[in-house]
């Protein structure tokens, strides 16, 4: 059984090194899974971030991360810096690998990709895939719309993030210069979106419609980034006009 299959079937991170699985104590296994889950929920994280969130020492976090890196569940990256860089080297962050994401997915990626490929070949090419992607997002958007419309204009990004989290996207909203960033730390369809970026494009369009403002997709998990990031300009009560909003993927290929 592959590493990803073991993780998917058990919901915990297993030690797949040379030592027998039985030698890894239950507590160690549980903590290691918490470390991986925290990275899934919050995106690429530093040792300090993880230690603070989980109530562990940095030495303990490093020990678990070393094991997760060895098992190809997480990988170390240079932290992306927004705005002006400060002196010194950027902090190292740890992000889930494809194998690590598979631990939390039970999706039928190949089946979905094959179905979309069939649609493209038999039903009208790219336009048919775009139509499917838009219809899929429109159906999902009904729940999101209720949450967004019930929130005050300045809380709509946060409301959308909570609604997305309910569908497994582990989303958060955070302040950014002249606006906010909507961050999706998990994407249930990332592997399919690598082949069919129309899924990302349709999602961005729906975000724009729901929030009533132009939005810009800055990064996607499908493209290899650690987090799907969408920039949302500051929204005021007077600026909310859902019918003439627009979306953009400028600055980043959506997949």
Protein backbone atom coordinates (compact mmCIF):
# COMPACT_ATOMS: atom_id res chain seq x y z
CA UNK A 1 0.00 0.00 0.00
CA UNK A 2 1.34 3.44 -0.92
CA UNK A 3 1.93 6.23 1.60
CA UNK A 4 -1.01 8.25 0.27
CA UNK A 5 -3.32 5.22 0.48
CA UNK A 6 -2.29 4.56 4.08
CA UNK A 7 -2.95 8.17 5.03
CA UNK A 8 -6.29 8.28 3.22
CA UNK A 9 -7.54 5.05 4.75
CA UNK A 10 -6.54 5.83 8.31
CA UNK A 11 -6.86 9.61 8.63
CA UNK A 12 -3.56 9.77 10.53
CA UNK A 13 0.02 10.27 9.47
CA UNK A 14 1.94 7.02 9.70
CA UNK A 15 5.65 6.43 10.00
CA UNK A 16 6.61 4.63 6.81
CA UNK A 17 10.35 4.53 7.39
CA UNK A 18 12.41 1.49 8.24
CA UNK A 19 11.04 1.03 11.77
CA UNK A 20 7.87 -1.08 12.05
CA UNK A 21 4.65 0.92 12.36
CA UNK A 22 3.96 -0.66 15.76
CA UNK A 23 6.99 1.07 17.22
CA UNK A 24 5.45 4.50 16.74
CA UNK A 25 3.46 5.28 19.88
CA UNK A 26 -0.18 6.27 19.52
CA UNK A 27 0.51 9.67 21.06
CA UNK A 28 3.33 10.37 18.61
CA UNK A 29 1.16 9.37 15.67
CA UNK A 30 -1.70 11.57 16.88
CA UNK A 31 0.58 14.59 17.34
CA UNK A 32 2.16 14.08 13.94
CA UNK A 33 -1.30 14.05 12.41
CA UNK A 34 -2.15 17.28 14.25
CA UNK A 35 0.94 18.93 12.75
CA UNK A 36 -0.09 17.89 9.23
CA UNK A 37 -3.70 18.93 9.83
CA UNK A 38 -2.61 22.35 11.09
CA UNK A 39 -0.63 22.93 7.89
CA UNK A 40 -3.68 21.88 5.87
CA UNK A 41 -5.98 24.26 7.76
CA UNK A 42 -3.63 27.25 7.91
CA UNK A 43 -1.43 26.84 4.86
CA UNK A 44 2.40 26.87 4.74
CA UNK A 45 3.61 27.39 8.30
CA UNK A 46 6.84 28.08 10.15
CA UNK A 47 8.04 26.04 13.11
CA UNK A 48 7.09 28.97 15.35
CA UNK A 49 3.58 29.12 13.87
CA UNK A 50 3.01 25.42 14.46
CA UNK A 51 4.42 25.44 17.98
CA UNK A 52 2.13 28.33 18.95
CA UNK A 53 -1.00 26.80 17.43
CA UNK A 54 -0.45 23.32 18.81
CA UNK A 55 1.05 24.12 22.20
CA UNK A 56 4.24 22.20 21.44
CA UNK A 57 7.89 23.08 21.83
CA UNK A 58 9.72 24.08 18.68
CA UNK A 59 12.03 21.08 19.16
CA UNK A 60 9.03 18.74 19.18
CA UNK A 61 7.58 20.39 16.07
CA UNK A 62 10.91 20.04 14.24
CA UNK A 63 11.07 16.36 15.14
CA UNK A 64 7.61 15.71 13.71
CA UNK A 65 8.34 17.82 10.64
CA UNK A 66 11.52 15.85 9.98
CA UNK A 67 9.48 12.66 9.98
CA UNK A 68 6.79 14.16 7.75
CA UNK A 69 9.40 15.42 5.28
CA UNK A 70 11.00 11.99 5.25
CA UNK A 71 7.61 10.45 4.45
CA UNK A 72 7.00 13.00 1.64
CA UNK A 73 3.95 14.38 3.48
CA UNK A 74 5.34 17.93 3.84
CA UNK A 75 8.14 19.88 2.19
CA UNK A 76 10.18 22.89 3.20
CA UNK A 77 9.90 26.09 1.16
CA UNK A 78 11.13 29.66 1.34
CA UNK A 79 8.42 31.84 2.81
CA UNK A 80 6.74 34.13 0.28
CA UNK A 81 7.07 37.78 1.28
CA UNK A 82 4.39 40.30 0.31
CA UNK A 83 5.54 43.89 0.05
CA UNK A 84 9.02 45.12 0.94
CA UNK A 85 11.51 42.50 2.14
CA UNK A 86 13.13 42.93 5.51
CA UNK A 87 16.76 42.17 6.21
CA UNK A 88 17.82 38.58 6.65
CA UNK A 89 16.79 35.35 5.02
CA UNK A 90 13.07 34.61 4.74
CA UNK A 91 11.79 32.12 7.28
CA UNK A 92 11.43 28.53 6.13
CA UNK A 93 7.84 27.33 5.89
CA UNK A 94 6.47 23.82 5.61
CA UNK A 95 3.70 22.97 3.13
CA UNK A 96 1.83 19.80 2.28
CA UNK A 97 3.02 17.83 -0.74
CA UNK A 98 0.59 16.20 -3.17
CA UNK A 99 1.01 13.03 -1.14
CA UNK A 100 0.16 14.94 2.03
CA UNK A 101 -2.95 16.47 0.49
CA UNK A 102 -4.04 13.04 -0.65
CA UNK A 103 -4.10 12.05 3.01
CA UNK A 104 -7.11 14.29 3.49
CA UNK A 105 -8.79 13.68 0.14
CA UNK A 106 -11.12 10.89 -0.84
CA UNK A 107 -11.88 12.26 -4.26
CA UNK A 108 -12.04 10.41 -7.54
CA UNK A 109 -9.56 12.59 -9.39
CA UNK A 110 -8.94 10.33 -12.36
CA UNK A 111 -12.64 9.69 -12.88
CA UNK A 112 -13.41 13.43 -12.75
CA UNK A 113 -10.57 14.28 -15.15
CA UNK A 114 -11.65 11.54 -17.55
CA UNK A 115 -15.22 12.82 -17.46
CA UNK A 116 -14.14 16.40 -18.23
CA UNK A 117 -11.89 15.17 -21.02
CA UNK A 118 -14.83 13.28 -22.51
CA UNK A 119 -16.99 16.41 -22.29
CA UNK A 120 -14.28 18.42 -24.07
CA UNK A 121 -13.86 15.85 -26.83
CA UNK A 122 -17.52 15.02 -27.45
CA UNK A 123 -19.53 18.05 -26.40
CA UNK A 124 -17.83 21.19 -27.69
CA UNK A 125 -14.26 21.47 -26.53
CA UNK A 126 -13.14 24.19 -24.15
CA UNK A 127 -16.51 25.96 -24.19
CA UNK A 128 -18.24 22.82 -22.90
CA UNK A 129 -15.76 22.52 -20.02
CA UNK A 130 -16.24 26.20 -19.18
CA UNK A 131 -20.01 25.73 -19.17
CA UNK A 132 -19.70 22.74 -16.85
CA UNK A 133 -17.32 24.60 -14.50
CA UNK A 134 -19.65 27.59 -14.29
CA UNK A 135 -22.72 25.42 -13.69
CA UNK A 136 -20.89 23.52 -10.95
CA UNK A 137 -19.86 26.71 -9.17
CA UNK A 138 -23.31 28.27 -9.60
CA UNK A 139 -24.84 25.29 -7.80
CA UNK A 140 -22.33 25.57 -4.94
CA UNK A 141 -22.77 29.34 -4.77
CA UNK A 142 -26.34 29.18 -3.47
CA UNK A 143 -25.09 28.36 0.03
CA UNK A 144 -22.26 30.88 -0.20
CA UNK A 145 -24.61 33.63 -1.35
CA UNK A 146 -26.84 33.28 1.70
CA UNK A 147 -23.85 33.60 4.01
CA UNK A 148 -22.39 36.60 2.16
CA UNK A 149 -25.66 38.51 1.87
CA UNK A 150 -26.35 38.05 5.59
CA UNK A 151 -23.04 39.73 6.48
CA UNK A 152 -22.14 43.41 6.62
CA UNK A 153 -20.14 44.61 3.58
CA UNK A 154 -16.88 44.69 5.52
CA UNK A 155 -17.48 41.12 6.77
CA UNK A 156 -18.40 39.51 3.46
CA UNK A 157 -14.97 38.08 2.70
CA UNK A 158 -14.88 36.50 6.15
CA UNK A 159 -18.40 35.10 5.66
CA UNK A 160 -17.40 33.61 2.30
CA UNK A 161 -14.32 32.04 3.88
CA UNK A 162 -16.45 30.35 6.54
CA UNK A 163 -18.88 29.06 3.92
CA UNK A 164 -16.00 27.69 1.81
CA UNK A 165 -14.55 25.97 4.88
CA UNK A 166 -17.84 24.17 5.26
CA UNK A 167 -17.16 22.61 1.85
CA UNK A 168 -13.66 21.51 2.77
CA UNK A 169 -11.59 24.44 1.47
CA UNK A 170 -10.10 25.40 4.87
CA UNK A 171 -10.47 29.08 3.94
CA UNK A 172 -9.56 32.24 5.82
CA UNK A 173 -9.78 35.97 5.14
CA UNK A 174 -6.99 38.30 6.18
CA UNK A 175 -6.20 41.98 5.82
CA UNK A 176 -3.99 43.13 2.97
CA UNK A 177 -2.96 46.57 1.69
CA UNK A 178 -6.10 48.33 0.34
CA UNK A 179 -8.19 45.23 0.70
CA UNK A 180 -8.26 41.62 1.86
CA UNK A 181 -6.92 38.25 0.81
CA UNK A 182 -9.17 35.21 0.66
CA UNK A 183 -6.94 32.18 1.28
CA UNK A 184 -8.01 28.61 0.58
CA UNK A 185 -5.54 26.29 2.27
CA UNK A 186 -7.06 23.17 0.76
CA UNK A 187 -8.64 22.37 -2.60
CA UNK A 188 -10.60 19.12 -3.02
CA UNK A 189 -10.26 19.33 -6.82
CA UNK A 190 -6.66 20.56 -7.10
CA UNK A 191 -5.40 17.58 -9.10
CA UNK A 192 -8.22 17.92 -11.63
CA UNK A 193 -7.78 21.70 -11.82
CA UNK A 194 -4.14 21.17 -12.83
CA UNK A 195 -5.49 19.77 -16.10
CA UNK A 196 -8.62 21.92 -16.32
CA UNK A 197 -7.91 25.51 -15.16
CA UNK A 198 -11.49 26.38 -16.13
CA UNK A 199 -12.47 25.16 -12.65
CA UNK A 200 -10.31 27.85 -11.05
CA UNK A 201 -11.53 30.51 -13.46
CA UNK A 202 -15.19 29.73 -12.75
CA UNK A 203 -14.53 29.87 -9.01
CA UNK A 204 -12.90 33.30 -9.33
CA UNK A 205 -15.89 34.58 -11.34
CA UNK A 206 -18.29 33.39 -8.64
CA UNK A 207 -16.27 35.08 -5.90
CA UNK A 208 -16.48 38.34 -7.82
CA UNK A 209 -20.24 38.01 -8.24
CA UNK A 210 -20.82 37.10 -4.60
CA UNK A 211 -18.66 39.91 -3.23
CA UNK A 212 -19.89 42.49 -5.72
CA UNK A 213 -16.45 43.70 -6.68
CA UNK A 214 -13.57 42.98 -9.03
CA UNK A 215 -11.28 40.31 -7.56
CA UNK A 216 -7.87 39.05 -8.66
CA UNK A 217 -6.56 35.51 -8.30
CA UNK A 218 -2.94 35.68 -7.19
CA UNK A 219 -2.06 32.03 -6.64
CA UNK A 220 -3.55 28.54 -6.81
CA UNK A 221 -2.73 25.17 -5.30
CA UNK A 222 -3.31 23.65 -8.74
CA UNK A 223 -0.50 25.83 -10.10
CA UNK A 224 1.87 24.58 -7.41
CA UNK A 225 1.39 27.33 -4.83
CA UNK A 226 0.83 26.43 -1.20
CA UNK A 227 -2.47 28.33 -0.97
CA UNK A 228 -5.15 29.56 -3.37
CA UNK A 229 -5.06 33.32 -2.83
CA UNK A 230 -7.59 35.85 -4.12
CA UNK A 231 -7.18 39.59 -3.64
CA UNK A 232 -10.37 41.48 -2.80
CA UNK A 233 -10.28 45.30 -2.94
CA UNK A 234 -11.71 47.09 0.06
CA UNK A 235 -15.51 46.95 -0.14
CA UNK A 236 -17.70 49.74 1.17
CA UNK A 237 -21.45 49.73 1.53
CA UNK A 238 -21.82 52.13 -1.38
CA UNK A 239 -19.56 50.06 -3.63
CA UNK A 240 -21.54 46.84 -3.43
CA UNK A 241 -23.00 46.23 -6.91
CA UNK A 242 -23.11 42.49 -7.55
CA UNK A 243 -24.40 42.79 -11.11
CA UNK A 244 -21.37 44.57 -12.57
CA UNK A 245 -18.56 42.88 -10.68
CA UNK A 246 -15.71 41.27 -12.58
CA UNK A 247 -12.95 38.77 -11.98
CA UNK A 248 -9.35 38.66 -13.09
CA UNK A 249 -6.58 36.11 -13.11
CA UNK A 250 -3.96 38.70 -14.04
CA UNK A 251 -0.59 38.15 -12.42
CA UNK A 252 -1.09 34.41 -12.04
CA UNK A 253 -2.05 31.64 -14.38
CA UNK A 254 -5.05 30.17 -12.53
CA UNK A 255 -3.70 26.70 -12.97
